[in-house]
Every structure is written in structure tokens, then in C-alpha cells.
Protein backbone atom coordinates (compact mmCIF):
# COMPACT_ATOMS: atom_id res chain seq x y z
CA MET A 1 -4.61 60.37 -14.69
CA VAL A 2 -5.08 64.09 -14.21
CA ARG A 3 -3.44 66.23 -16.88
CA ALA A 4 -1.56 69.43 -16.03
CA ASP A 5 -2.53 72.50 -18.01
CA ALA A 6 -2.53 76.28 -17.58
CA ALA A 7 -6.13 76.18 -16.39
CA GLY A 8 -5.49 73.76 -13.53
CA PRO A 9 -6.65 74.72 -10.01
CA VAL A 10 -3.12 75.19 -8.59
CA ARG A 11 0.22 76.60 -9.52
CA ILE A 12 3.55 75.63 -7.96
CA SER A 13 6.44 77.95 -7.21
CA PRO A 14 9.90 77.20 -5.81
CA TRP A 15 10.12 77.19 -2.04
CA ALA A 16 11.37 80.54 -0.63
CA PRO A 17 12.33 81.95 2.77
CA GLU A 18 8.90 83.63 3.11
CA ASP A 19 7.22 80.19 2.90
CA PHE A 20 8.27 79.16 6.45
CA TRP A 21 4.74 80.05 7.70
CA LEU A 22 3.36 77.26 5.48
CA LEU A 23 5.85 74.77 6.85
CA ARG A 24 4.72 75.72 10.35
CA ARG A 25 1.06 75.25 9.33
CA GLU A 26 1.90 71.77 8.03
CA ASN A 27 3.68 70.84 11.29
CA THR A 28 0.54 69.84 13.24
CA PRO A 29 -0.52 66.50 14.71
CA GLU A 30 -3.24 66.25 12.04
CA MET A 31 -0.87 66.96 9.13
CA THR A 32 2.04 64.79 10.43
CA ARG A 33 -0.03 61.87 11.73
CA PHE A 34 1.40 59.52 9.06
CA LEU A 35 4.90 61.01 9.20
CA GLY A 36 5.91 60.41 12.83
CA GLY A 37 4.31 63.51 14.37
CA PRO A 38 5.23 67.21 14.55
CA GLU A 39 8.87 68.25 14.50
CA SER A 40 10.59 70.44 17.06
CA GLU A 41 11.26 74.10 16.14
CA GLU A 42 14.92 73.25 15.59
CA LYS A 43 14.07 70.46 13.13
CA LEU A 44 11.52 72.66 11.42
CA VAL A 45 14.14 75.37 10.87
CA GLY A 46 16.47 72.71 9.45
CA ARG A 47 13.73 71.48 7.11
CA GLN A 48 13.16 75.07 5.89
CA GLN A 49 16.89 75.39 5.15
CA ARG A 50 16.89 72.04 3.26
CA TYR A 51 13.84 73.13 1.22
CA GLU A 52 15.52 76.42 0.30
CA ALA A 53 18.81 74.72 -0.52
CA LEU A 54 17.11 72.09 -2.70
CA SER A 55 15.27 74.78 -4.65
CA ALA A 56 18.55 76.67 -5.20
CA ARG A 57 20.31 73.68 -6.80
CA GLU A 58 20.15 72.67 -10.45
CA PRO A 59 16.58 71.71 -11.43
CA SER A 60 17.48 68.04 -12.04
CA ALA A 61 18.39 67.67 -8.33
CA GLY A 62 14.75 68.17 -7.39
CA ARG A 63 12.67 71.00 -5.95
CA MET A 64 10.34 71.85 -3.16
CA PHE A 65 7.38 73.97 -4.20
CA ARG A 66 4.68 76.03 -2.49
CA VAL A 67 1.24 75.14 -3.82
CA ASP A 68 -1.09 78.08 -4.41
CA LEU A 69 -4.67 78.26 -5.62
CA ARG A 70 -4.41 79.60 -9.16
CA GLU A 71 -7.32 82.02 -8.84
CA SER A 72 -6.70 83.59 -5.40
CA GLY A 73 -2.99 82.96 -4.89
CA GLU A 74 -3.65 81.47 -1.45
CA GLY A 75 -0.94 79.13 -0.22
CA VAL A 76 -2.53 75.73 0.41
CA GLY A 77 0.37 73.30 0.73
CA SER A 78 3.65 71.96 -0.55
CA VAL A 79 4.89 69.40 -3.06
CA GLY A 80 8.37 68.32 -3.93
CA PHE A 81 10.76 65.76 -5.34
CA TRP A 82 14.34 64.88 -4.53
CA GLU A 83 17.05 62.44 -5.55
CA ARG A 84 17.48 59.10 -3.82
CA ASP A 85 18.67 55.60 -4.52
CA TRP A 86 15.96 52.96 -4.24
CA GLN A 87 16.75 49.26 -4.57
CA GLY A 88 20.05 50.08 -6.30
CA GLU A 89 18.52 52.49 -8.80
CA PRO A 90 18.78 56.32 -8.98
CA VAL A 91 15.17 57.61 -8.72
CA TYR A 92 13.24 60.59 -7.46
CA GLU A 93 11.05 60.49 -4.41
CA ALA A 94 7.97 62.73 -4.19
CA GLY A 95 6.07 64.08 -1.19
CA TRP A 96 3.23 66.55 -0.64
CA GLY A 97 0.90 68.05 1.90
CA VAL A 98 -2.28 70.08 1.59
CA LEU A 99 -3.65 72.07 4.52
CA PRO A 100 -6.70 70.43 6.15
CA GLU A 101 -9.17 73.13 5.14
CA TYR A 102 -8.29 72.55 1.45
CA GLN A 103 -8.24 68.76 1.46
CA GLY A 104 -10.78 66.71 -0.49
CA ARG A 105 -10.81 69.05 -3.50
CA GLY A 106 -8.30 67.25 -5.72
CA LEU A 107 -5.60 69.87 -5.05
CA ALA A 108 -2.97 67.32 -4.02
CA VAL A 109 -3.50 65.41 -7.27
CA ALA A 110 -3.31 68.66 -9.27
CA ALA A 111 -0.10 69.70 -7.44
CA LEU A 112 1.51 66.30 -7.90
CA THR A 113 0.58 66.40 -11.61
CA GLU A 114 2.23 69.77 -11.96
CA LEU A 115 5.27 68.42 -10.16
CA LEU A 116 5.50 65.39 -12.47
CA SER A 117 5.39 67.71 -15.49
CA TYR A 118 8.24 69.74 -14.03
CA ALA A 119 10.27 66.59 -13.24
CA ARG A 120 9.68 65.23 -16.73
CA THR A 121 10.99 68.48 -18.25
CA HIS A 122 13.91 69.22 -15.88
CA GLY A 123 14.80 65.84 -14.34
CA ASP A 124 17.41 63.35 -15.45
CA ARG A 125 16.04 60.24 -13.69
CA ALA A 126 13.58 57.84 -15.26
CA THR A 127 11.15 57.36 -12.40
CA VAL A 128 9.48 59.01 -9.40
CA HIS A 129 8.47 56.97 -6.37
CA ALA A 130 6.17 57.83 -3.48
CA PHE A 131 5.87 55.82 -0.28
CA PRO A 132 2.64 56.58 1.59
CA GLY A 133 1.88 54.36 4.52
CA THR A 134 -0.47 51.44 4.02
CA ASP A 135 -2.60 53.12 6.69
CA HIS A 136 -2.97 56.38 4.72
CA PRO A 137 -5.76 55.89 2.17
CA ALA A 138 -5.91 59.57 1.07
CA SER A 139 -2.22 59.68 -0.04
CA ASN A 140 -2.54 56.31 -1.72
CA ALA A 141 -5.54 57.64 -3.62
CA VAL A 142 -3.53 60.70 -4.69
CA CYS A 143 -0.87 58.41 -6.19
CA ARG A 144 -3.46 56.35 -8.01
CA ARG A 145 -5.30 59.44 -9.39
CA ALA A 146 -2.01 61.05 -10.51
CA GLY A 147 -1.18 57.99 -12.63
CA PHE A 148 1.30 56.12 -10.44
CA SER A 149 1.40 52.31 -10.44
CA CYS A 150 1.59 50.43 -7.17
CA LEU A 151 4.56 48.06 -7.01
CA GLY A 152 3.48 46.51 -3.71
CA GLU A 153 4.07 46.86 0.00
CA VAL A 154 7.52 47.67 1.46
CA ASP A 155 8.94 48.54 4.85
CA PHE A 156 9.98 52.12 4.24
CA MET A 157 12.14 53.87 6.83
CA TYR A 158 10.40 57.04 7.98
CA PRO A 159 11.34 58.78 10.08
CA PRO A 160 14.87 57.44 9.43
CA GLY A 161 15.47 54.20 11.36
CA VAL A 162 11.73 53.53 11.88
CA PRO A 163 10.27 50.93 9.51
CA HIS A 164 6.80 51.88 8.37
CA PRO A 165 4.63 49.61 6.22
CA SER A 166 4.17 51.58 3.02
CA PHE A 167 3.19 51.14 -0.60
CA ASP A 168 5.80 51.73 -3.25
CA TRP A 169 4.13 53.84 -5.96
CA HIS A 170 6.04 54.30 -9.22
CA TYR A 171 5.63 56.84 -12.03
CA ARG A 172 7.69 56.56 -15.19
CA LEU A 173 8.92 59.94 -16.52
CA ARG A 174 10.72 58.45 -19.54
């Protein structure tokens, strides 16, 4: 497991209106290949509004964060967690994305580790789940390297109404 500390390669900050450019950069065929493809401009604007609203709620409800390189301040991606019910239990779900030119450097693992530290401090749910597709080895590796345990394969609905074979990764906060 990667440990979060002040010297880590990234810092996370709550999603803000000026972060829409990053959401647009993440809305490419390459970045959304495992998520059902790029969204329309209308859906992207709605996603921006949801990200801002989530980050304006109480911290235990979850947060979306911009991921920046600690040294340069460059925005390189996003990471977040939100409330959901999974198999009759209140949990958090986590998701992330790192821009292609920054992938392969461990930044997603570092961002997810920072996120887990935040959720442990501010959250009120016992576990965080992530559901990368079985066909997405990089995201499954991020879960493994961040200390999640794989609970097995599930048919996860994403986009809503579309079953996608995924792994259910679990991280215990408490």
C-alpha cells in the first residue's frame, strides 16, 4: 500500500468552477473508453454542476477533487468519492482519472491514497468500493497498489442501465 504524506507527488483540492477545463480534457475517447465513451456537452455541464455541488456539501457526503502535481501545481486529473448503497450497506464509491500524458507514474495511486486519507478523517462510512471493469487492467492495478482487496467479479451498472463486468474492490476505513 502507498502511504500518503506531505512529500507525496500530488495534492488534491476540492473541485471548483474553474476546473471545468480538466473535466473537458478527461472527456475523450481515450479517457472514457472504459466508462461508455465521451459525454455530450450538456451531460458534461451537468457533471460539472454535480462535482461542484458534492464539494459544497458536508465532507462526510463525499468530495470531488482536482489532482495537481505537488511541485509544479499542474492539474493532472481528478479523484473523488460519494455515498451509495451497495448490497444493502451504506458505503462510499471512489473514482479517478489521470490525463494520458501523466499516466504510468503512480499518480493515480498517490491521488487515491490521498483521497482515502481524507475519507478516513471526514467520512462516516466504514468502507470505500471501486468498480473498475474486468477489462481495465490499469485501474485494477491502482486499486491493488492503493491497498484495496478484491471481493470478486460483479455486473456493475455503468453507465446506468448497462451491466458491465467489473471487479468489486473494497477498502476498509474503520
